[in-house]
Amino acid sequence: MTLSAATRQNGRTHHLASELPPKVMTALSLAATGMSWSDAAAQVNMSTEALRKWRHHPDSQGFLETVVRENLVVSKNLAISKSQRMIEILCEIAEDKNARPYARTNAASAVLDKALKFDEMQFQREELSKVRQLLENREEGKTTLIDVSE
């Protein structure tokens, strides 16, 4: 009797040949967000050893990368939504005569760093726009001299 590589002698499909079950995906998501493997496994009523075996599944790495990427996007969006208030708080600390000098200095420095970084990013966006325009002109056959003296 011949068995396919994915089927065991007991007739069950090997876990590496099947799709990731929802509870494994949940446990992997929990582990990707910082929970320990044992705690993540316990949350979905499976053993740590079983979860670690699923980690070797062909789809696990891609799934984990997607979860981490999505978590970073959520965190970035939260930071952006709170950034205006955080800058206001830093300004309040920098201007507070009752705050310790190092706290005022650190707050002022952080605000200036953010302002300079914003200006730098704006400059980079403008320069990228110029480069895009030059490339579009070149693709359309329009020749443009590039001024490299700046």
N, C-alpha and C. Protein backbone atom coordinates (compact mmCIF):
# COMPACT_ATOMS: atom_id res chain seq x y z
N MET A 1 0.85 -1.17 0.00
CA MET A 1 0.00 0.00 0.00
C MET A 1 0.89 1.23 0.00
N THR A 2 0.60 2.18 -0.88
CA THR A 2 1.39 3.40 -0.97
C THR A 2 0.63 4.55 -0.30
N LEU A 3 1.37 5.33 0.47
CA LEU A 3 0.78 6.50 1.13
C LEU A 3 1.37 7.76 0.52
N SER A 4 0.54 8.75 0.37
CA SER A 4 1.08 10.02 -0.11
C SER A 4 1.93 10.64 0.99
N ALA A 5 2.78 11.56 0.61
CA ALA A 5 3.70 12.17 1.58
C ALA A 5 2.93 12.94 2.65
N ALA A 6 1.75 13.43 2.32
CA ALA A 6 1.00 14.24 3.26
C ALA A 6 0.13 13.42 4.19
N THR A 7 -0.07 12.12 3.89
CA THR A 7 -0.95 11.30 4.70
C THR A 7 -0.14 10.33 5.55
N ARG A 8 -0.49 10.27 6.81
CA ARG A 8 0.18 9.35 7.73
C ARG A 8 -0.44 7.96 7.58
N GLN A 9 0.17 6.98 8.22
CA GLN A 9 -0.37 5.62 8.18
C GLN A 9 -1.73 5.52 8.84
N ASN A 10 -2.01 6.39 9.81
CA ASN A 10 -3.29 6.35 10.49
C ASN A 10 -4.40 7.06 9.70
N GLY A 11 -4.06 7.55 8.50
CA GLY A 11 -5.06 8.18 7.64
C GLY A 11 -5.23 9.67 7.84
N ARG A 12 -4.58 10.23 8.83
CA ARG A 12 -4.70 11.67 9.09
C ARG A 12 -3.69 12.44 8.26
N THR A 13 -4.07 13.63 7.84
CA THR A 13 -3.19 14.49 7.08
C THR A 13 -2.17 15.12 8.02
N HIS A 14 -0.93 15.17 7.59
CA HIS A 14 0.13 15.80 8.37
C HIS A 14 -0.17 17.29 8.51
N HIS A 15 0.10 17.86 9.67
CA HIS A 15 -0.26 19.27 9.92
C HIS A 15 0.44 20.23 8.94
N LEU A 16 1.61 19.87 8.45
CA LEU A 16 2.32 20.76 7.52
C LEU A 16 1.66 20.78 6.14
N ALA A 17 0.81 19.80 5.86
CA ALA A 17 0.15 19.75 4.56
C ALA A 17 -1.25 20.34 4.60
N SER A 18 -1.73 20.72 5.77
CA SER A 18 -3.07 21.30 5.88
C SER A 18 -2.98 22.82 6.03
N GLU A 19 -4.13 23.46 6.04
CA GLU A 19 -4.16 24.91 6.23
C GLU A 19 -4.02 25.23 7.72
N LEU A 20 -3.61 26.47 8.01
CA LEU A 20 -3.52 26.90 9.40
C LEU A 20 -4.94 26.99 9.98
N PRO A 21 -5.22 26.27 11.06
CA PRO A 21 -6.55 26.38 11.68
C PRO A 21 -6.72 27.74 12.36
N PRO A 22 -7.97 28.20 12.50
CA PRO A 22 -8.21 29.51 13.14
C PRO A 22 -7.59 29.65 14.53
N LYS A 23 -7.65 28.58 15.34
CA LYS A 23 -7.09 28.73 16.69
C LYS A 23 -5.57 28.84 16.66
N VAL A 24 -4.94 28.22 15.68
CA VAL A 24 -3.49 28.36 15.54
C VAL A 24 -3.16 29.78 15.09
N MET A 25 -3.96 30.30 14.16
CA MET A 25 -3.76 31.68 13.69
C MET A 25 -3.92 32.66 14.86
N THR A 26 -4.91 32.41 15.71
CA THR A 26 -5.11 33.27 16.88
C THR A 26 -3.91 33.21 17.81
N ALA A 27 -3.43 31.99 18.07
CA ALA A 27 -2.28 31.84 18.96
C ALA A 27 -1.03 32.48 18.36
N LEU A 28 -0.82 32.31 17.06
CA LEU A 28 0.34 32.94 16.41
C LEU A 28 0.22 34.46 16.48
N SER A 29 -0.99 34.99 16.31
CA SER A 29 -1.20 36.44 16.42
C SER A 29 -0.85 36.94 17.81
N LEU A 30 -1.27 36.19 18.82
CA LEU A 30 -0.95 36.59 20.20
C LEU A 30 0.55 36.56 20.44
N ALA A 31 1.22 35.53 19.93
CA ALA A 31 2.68 35.45 20.08
C ALA A 31 3.36 36.59 19.34
N ALA A 32 2.84 36.95 18.18
CA ALA A 32 3.44 38.03 17.39
C ALA A 32 3.27 39.39 18.06
N THR A 33 2.30 39.52 18.94
CA THR A 33 2.09 40.79 19.63
C THR A 33 2.82 40.85 20.97
N GLY A 34 3.65 39.82 21.25
CA GLY A 34 4.48 39.89 22.44
C GLY A 34 4.14 38.90 23.54
N MET A 35 3.06 38.17 23.39
CA MET A 35 2.71 37.18 24.40
C MET A 35 3.68 35.99 24.28
N SER A 36 3.98 35.35 25.38
CA SER A 36 4.86 34.18 25.33
C SER A 36 4.17 33.05 24.58
N TRP A 37 4.98 32.12 24.03
CA TRP A 37 4.41 30.99 23.29
C TRP A 37 3.49 30.17 24.19
N SER A 38 3.89 29.97 25.44
CA SER A 38 3.07 29.16 26.34
C SER A 38 1.76 29.86 26.68
N ASP A 39 1.79 31.17 26.91
CA ASP A 39 0.56 31.91 27.20
C ASP A 39 -0.35 31.98 25.98
N ALA A 40 0.25 32.17 24.80
CA ALA A 40 -0.55 32.21 23.57
C ALA A 40 -1.22 30.86 23.33
N ALA A 41 -0.50 29.78 23.55
CA ALA A 41 -1.07 28.44 23.37
C ALA A 41 -2.19 28.20 24.38
N ALA A 42 -1.97 28.62 25.62
CA ALA A 42 -2.98 28.43 26.66
C ALA A 42 -4.27 29.19 26.34
N GLN A 43 -4.14 30.36 25.72
CA GLN A 43 -5.32 31.16 25.37
C GLN A 43 -6.26 30.43 24.42
N VAL A 44 -5.74 29.54 23.61
CA VAL A 44 -6.57 28.81 22.63
C VAL A 44 -6.67 27.33 22.98
N ASN A 45 -6.32 26.99 24.22
CA ASN A 45 -6.43 25.61 24.72
C ASN A 45 -5.63 24.60 23.90
N MET A 46 -4.37 24.94 23.65
CA MET A 46 -3.49 23.97 23.01
C MET A 46 -2.16 23.97 23.75
N SER A 47 -1.39 22.94 23.52
CA SER A 47 -0.10 22.85 24.22
C SER A 47 0.93 23.74 23.53
N THR A 48 1.91 24.13 24.31
CA THR A 48 3.00 24.94 23.77
C THR A 48 3.74 24.17 22.68
N GLU A 49 3.92 22.88 22.90
CA GLU A 49 4.62 22.04 21.92
C GLU A 49 3.86 22.02 20.59
N ALA A 50 2.54 21.90 20.66
CA ALA A 50 1.74 21.87 19.43
C ALA A 50 1.87 23.20 18.68
N LEU A 51 1.81 24.30 19.42
CA LEU A 51 1.94 25.62 18.77
C LEU A 51 3.32 25.76 18.14
N ARG A 52 4.34 25.31 18.83
CA ARG A 52 5.69 25.39 18.26
C ARG A 52 5.82 24.55 16.99
N LYS A 53 5.12 23.42 16.93
CA LYS A 53 5.12 22.61 15.71
C LYS A 53 4.45 23.38 14.56
N TRP A 54 3.36 24.05 14.85
CA TRP A 54 2.67 24.82 13.81
C TRP A 54 3.53 25.97 13.30
N ARG A 55 4.47 26.41 14.11
CA ARG A 55 5.37 27.49 13.70
C ARG A 55 6.19 27.10 12.47
N HIS A 56 6.37 25.80 12.25
CA HIS A 56 7.13 25.31 11.10
C HIS A 56 6.27 25.11 9.85
N HIS A 57 4.99 25.38 9.98
CA HIS A 57 4.07 25.25 8.84
C HIS A 57 4.49 26.24 7.75
N PRO A 58 4.38 25.86 6.47
CA PRO A 58 4.82 26.76 5.38
C PRO A 58 4.13 28.13 5.38
N ASP A 59 2.91 28.20 5.89
CA ASP A 59 2.18 29.47 5.89
C ASP A 59 2.43 30.31 7.14
N SER A 60 3.06 29.73 8.16
CA SER A 60 3.21 30.43 9.44
C SER A 60 4.07 31.70 9.33
N GLN A 61 5.19 31.61 8.65
CA GLN A 61 6.09 32.76 8.59
C GLN A 61 5.42 33.95 7.90
N GLY A 62 4.77 33.68 6.78
CA GLY A 62 4.06 34.76 6.07
C GLY A 62 2.95 35.34 6.91
N PHE A 63 2.22 34.47 7.62
CA PHE A 63 1.14 34.93 8.49
C PHE A 63 1.68 35.81 9.60
N LEU A 64 2.77 35.36 10.25
CA LEU A 64 3.38 36.15 11.33
C LEU A 64 3.86 37.51 10.82
N GLU A 65 4.48 37.53 9.65
CA GLU A 65 4.96 38.80 9.09
C GLU A 65 3.80 39.74 8.81
N THR A 66 2.68 39.20 8.33
CA THR A 66 1.50 40.02 8.07
C THR A 66 0.96 40.61 9.37
N VAL A 67 0.88 39.79 10.42
CA VAL A 67 0.38 40.26 11.71
C VAL A 67 1.27 41.36 12.26
N VAL A 68 2.58 41.16 12.20
CA VAL A 68 3.52 42.16 12.72
C VAL A 68 3.39 43.46 11.92
N ARG A 69 3.32 43.34 10.59
CA ARG A 69 3.18 44.52 9.73
C ARG A 69 1.88 45.28 10.04
N GLU A 70 0.78 44.56 10.21
CA GLU A 70 -0.49 45.20 10.54
C GLU A 70 -0.43 45.87 11.90
N ASN A 71 0.22 45.22 12.87
CA ASN A 71 0.36 45.83 14.20
C ASN A 71 1.18 47.11 14.14
N LEU A 72 2.22 47.11 13.31
CA LEU A 72 3.03 48.32 13.17
C LEU A 72 2.23 49.45 12.54
N VAL A 73 1.39 49.13 11.56
CA VAL A 73 0.55 50.15 10.92
C VAL A 73 -0.42 50.74 11.94
N VAL A 74 -1.03 49.87 12.76
CA VAL A 74 -1.96 50.35 13.78
C VAL A 74 -1.24 51.25 14.77
N SER A 75 -0.05 50.83 15.21
CA SER A 75 0.73 51.63 16.16
C SER A 75 1.14 52.97 15.55
N LYS A 76 1.55 52.94 14.30
CA LYS A 76 1.96 54.18 13.62
C LYS A 76 0.77 55.13 13.52
N ASN A 77 -0.40 54.61 13.15
CA ASN A 77 -1.58 55.45 13.04
C ASN A 77 -1.98 56.04 14.38
N LEU A 78 -1.85 55.25 15.44
CA LEU A 78 -2.15 55.77 16.78
C LEU A 78 -1.18 56.89 17.14
N ALA A 79 0.10 56.68 16.86
CA ALA A 79 1.11 57.71 17.17
C ALA A 79 0.82 58.99 16.39
N ILE A 80 0.46 58.86 15.13
CA ILE A 80 0.17 60.03 14.31
C ILE A 80 -1.06 60.76 14.85
N SER A 81 -2.08 59.99 15.25
CA SER A 81 -3.30 60.64 15.75
C SER A 81 -3.07 61.37 17.07
N LYS A 82 -2.09 60.93 17.84
CA LYS A 82 -1.80 61.55 19.13
C LYS A 82 -0.66 62.57 19.07
N SER A 83 0.00 62.69 17.93
CA SER A 83 1.20 63.51 17.85
C SER A 83 0.97 64.98 18.17
N GLN A 84 -0.13 65.55 17.71
CA GLN A 84 -0.39 66.97 17.98
C GLN A 84 -0.49 67.23 19.48
N ARG A 85 -1.22 66.37 20.18
CA ARG A 85 -1.36 66.54 21.63
C ARG A 85 -0.02 66.34 22.34
N MET A 86 0.77 65.38 21.88
CA MET A 86 2.07 65.13 22.50
C MET A 86 2.99 66.35 22.34
N ILE A 87 2.95 66.97 21.18
CA ILE A 87 3.76 68.17 20.96
C ILE A 87 3.28 69.30 21.88
N GLU A 88 1.95 69.41 22.03
CA GLU A 88 1.42 70.43 22.94
C GLU A 88 1.90 70.18 24.37
N ILE A 89 1.90 68.92 24.79
CA ILE A 89 2.37 68.59 26.15
C ILE A 89 3.84 68.94 26.30
N LEU A 90 4.65 68.61 25.29
CA LEU A 90 6.07 68.95 25.35
C LEU A 90 6.26 70.46 25.43
N CYS A 91 5.46 71.21 24.68
CA CYS A 91 5.56 72.68 24.75
C CYS A 91 5.18 73.19 26.13
N GLU A 92 4.14 72.60 26.72
CA GLU A 92 3.73 73.00 28.06
C GLU A 92 4.85 72.74 29.07
N ILE A 93 5.50 71.60 28.95
CA ILE A 93 6.61 71.27 29.86
C ILE A 93 7.76 72.24 29.64
N ALA A 94 8.08 72.52 28.38
CA ALA A 94 9.21 73.42 28.08
C ALA A 94 8.96 74.83 28.61
N GLU A 95 7.70 75.24 28.65
CA GLU A 95 7.37 76.60 29.11
C GLU A 95 7.02 76.67 30.59
N ASP A 96 6.93 75.54 31.27
CA ASP A 96 6.55 75.50 32.67
C ASP A 96 7.72 75.92 33.56
N LYS A 97 7.59 77.06 34.21
CA LYS A 97 8.66 77.59 35.07
C LYS A 97 8.89 76.70 36.30
N ASN A 98 7.89 75.89 36.67
CA ASN A 98 8.02 75.01 37.83
C ASN A 98 8.65 73.66 37.49
N ALA A 99 8.79 73.38 36.21
CA ALA A 99 9.40 72.10 35.80
C ALA A 99 10.91 72.18 36.03
N ARG A 100 11.50 71.04 36.24
CA ARG A 100 12.96 70.99 36.43
C ARG A 100 13.65 71.40 35.12
N PRO A 101 14.79 72.05 35.23
CA PRO A 101 15.49 72.52 34.03
C PRO A 101 15.76 71.42 33.00
N TYR A 102 16.17 70.21 33.47
CA TYR A 102 16.46 69.16 32.49
C TYR A 102 15.19 68.73 31.76
N ALA A 103 14.04 68.74 32.46
CA ALA A 103 12.78 68.36 31.82
C ALA A 103 12.39 69.40 30.78
N ARG A 104 12.57 70.67 31.12
CA ARG A 104 12.24 71.74 30.17
C ARG A 104 13.15 71.67 28.95
N THR A 105 14.45 71.44 29.20
CA THR A 105 15.42 71.35 28.11
C THR A 105 15.11 70.16 27.20
N ASN A 106 14.84 69.01 27.81
CA ASN A 106 14.52 67.82 27.02
C ASN A 106 13.25 68.01 26.20
N ALA A 107 12.24 68.63 26.80
CA ALA A 107 10.99 68.88 26.08
C ALA A 107 11.22 69.83 24.91
N ALA A 108 11.95 70.91 25.17
CA ALA A 108 12.23 71.87 24.10
C ALA A 108 13.03 71.21 22.98
N SER A 109 14.00 70.40 23.35
CA SER A 109 14.82 69.70 22.36
C SER A 109 13.97 68.75 21.52
N ALA A 110 13.05 68.04 22.15
CA ALA A 110 12.18 67.11 21.43
C ALA A 110 11.29 67.85 20.44
N VAL A 111 10.74 69.00 20.86
CA VAL A 111 9.89 69.78 19.96
C VAL A 111 10.69 70.29 18.77
N LEU A 112 11.89 70.80 19.04
CA LEU A 112 12.73 71.30 17.94
C LEU A 112 13.14 70.16 17.00
N ASP A 113 13.46 69.00 17.57
CA ASP A 113 13.81 67.85 16.72
C ASP A 113 12.66 67.49 15.80
N LYS A 114 11.45 67.47 16.33
CA LYS A 114 10.28 67.14 15.50
C LYS A 114 10.06 68.19 14.42
N ALA A 115 10.23 69.45 14.77
CA ALA A 115 10.05 70.51 13.78
C ALA A 115 11.09 70.41 12.67
N LEU A 116 12.34 70.17 13.05
CA LEU A 116 13.41 70.04 12.05
C LEU A 116 13.19 68.80 11.18
N LYS A 117 12.76 67.71 11.79
CA LYS A 117 12.50 66.48 11.04
C LYS A 117 11.36 66.71 10.04
N PHE A 118 10.33 67.44 10.47
CA PHE A 118 9.22 67.75 9.57
C PHE A 118 9.72 68.57 8.38
N ASP A 119 10.55 69.59 8.64
CA ASP A 119 11.10 70.40 7.55
C ASP A 119 11.95 69.55 6.62
N GLU A 120 12.75 68.67 7.18
CA GLU A 120 13.59 67.80 6.37
C GLU A 120 12.74 66.88 5.49
N MET A 121 11.68 66.33 6.07
CA MET A 121 10.80 65.45 5.30
C MET A 121 10.10 66.23 4.19
N GLN A 122 9.70 67.46 4.47
CA GLN A 122 9.06 68.30 3.45
C GLN A 122 10.04 68.57 2.31
N PHE A 123 11.29 68.87 2.64
CA PHE A 123 12.31 69.10 1.63
C PHE A 123 12.50 67.85 0.78
N GLN A 124 12.56 66.69 1.43
CA GLN A 124 12.73 65.43 0.69
C GLN A 124 11.56 65.16 -0.24
N ARG A 125 10.34 65.45 0.22
CA ARG A 125 9.16 65.27 -0.64
C ARG A 125 9.24 66.17 -1.86
N GLU A 126 9.67 67.41 -1.66
CA GLU A 126 9.79 68.35 -2.79
C GLU A 126 10.85 67.87 -3.78
N GLU A 127 11.98 67.40 -3.26
CA GLU A 127 13.05 66.92 -4.14
C GLU A 127 12.61 65.66 -4.89
N LEU A 128 11.91 64.77 -4.22
CA LEU A 128 11.40 63.57 -4.90
C LEU A 128 10.41 63.94 -6.00
N SER A 129 9.61 64.95 -5.74
CA SER A 129 8.67 65.41 -6.75
C SER A 129 9.40 65.92 -7.98
N LYS A 130 10.49 66.65 -7.77
CA LYS A 130 11.30 67.14 -8.89
C LYS A 130 11.90 65.97 -9.68
N VAL A 131 12.41 64.98 -8.98
CA VAL A 131 13.01 63.83 -9.64
C VAL A 131 11.94 63.08 -10.45
N ARG A 132 10.76 62.90 -9.86
CA ARG A 132 9.68 62.23 -10.59
C ARG A 132 9.34 62.98 -11.88
N GLN A 133 9.27 64.30 -11.76
CA GLN A 133 8.95 65.12 -12.94
C GLN A 133 10.03 64.97 -14.01
N LEU A 134 11.30 64.97 -13.59
CA LEU A 134 12.39 64.79 -14.55
C LEU A 134 12.29 63.42 -15.24
N LEU A 135 11.98 62.39 -14.46
CA LEU A 135 11.85 61.06 -15.04
C LEU A 135 10.67 60.97 -16.01
N GLU A 136 9.56 61.59 -15.64
CA GLU A 136 8.39 61.61 -16.53
C GLU A 136 8.72 62.34 -17.82
N ASN A 137 9.41 63.48 -17.71
CA ASN A 137 9.81 64.23 -18.90
C ASN A 137 10.73 63.39 -19.79
N ARG A 138 11.64 62.68 -19.15
CA ARG A 138 12.57 61.86 -19.92
C ARG A 138 11.83 60.74 -20.64
N GLU A 139 10.87 60.12 -19.96
CA GLU A 139 10.09 59.06 -20.58
C GLU A 139 9.26 59.58 -21.75
N GLU A 140 8.83 60.83 -21.68
CA GLU A 140 8.04 61.44 -22.75
C GLU A 140 8.92 62.00 -23.86
N GLY A 141 10.23 61.87 -23.69
CA GLY A 141 11.15 62.34 -24.72
C GLY A 141 11.55 63.79 -24.58
N LYS A 142 11.11 64.42 -23.54
CA LYS A 142 11.50 65.81 -23.29
C LYS A 142 12.85 65.80 -22.59
N THR A 143 13.80 66.53 -23.12
CA THR A 143 15.11 66.60 -22.49
C THR A 143 15.16 67.80 -21.57
N THR A 144 15.70 67.58 -20.40
CA THR A 144 15.80 68.63 -19.40
C THR A 144 17.20 68.59 -18.82
N LEU A 145 17.77 69.76 -18.66
CA LEU A 145 19.07 69.82 -17.99
C LEU A 145 18.87 69.74 -16.50
N ILE A 146 19.71 68.98 -15.87
CA ILE A 146 19.62 68.82 -14.41
C ILE A 146 20.69 69.69 -13.79
N ASP A 147 20.25 70.61 -12.92
CA ASP A 147 21.17 71.51 -12.24
C ASP A 147 21.71 70.81 -11.00
N VAL A 148 22.98 70.44 -11.02
CA VAL A 148 23.60 69.76 -9.88
C VAL A 148 24.43 70.70 -9.03
N SER A 149 24.34 71.99 -9.29
CA SER A 149 25.16 72.94 -8.55
C SER A 149 24.57 73.26 -7.17
N GLU A 150 23.32 72.94 -6.93
CA GLU A 150 22.70 73.26 -5.64
C GLU A 150 23.10 72.31 -4.57
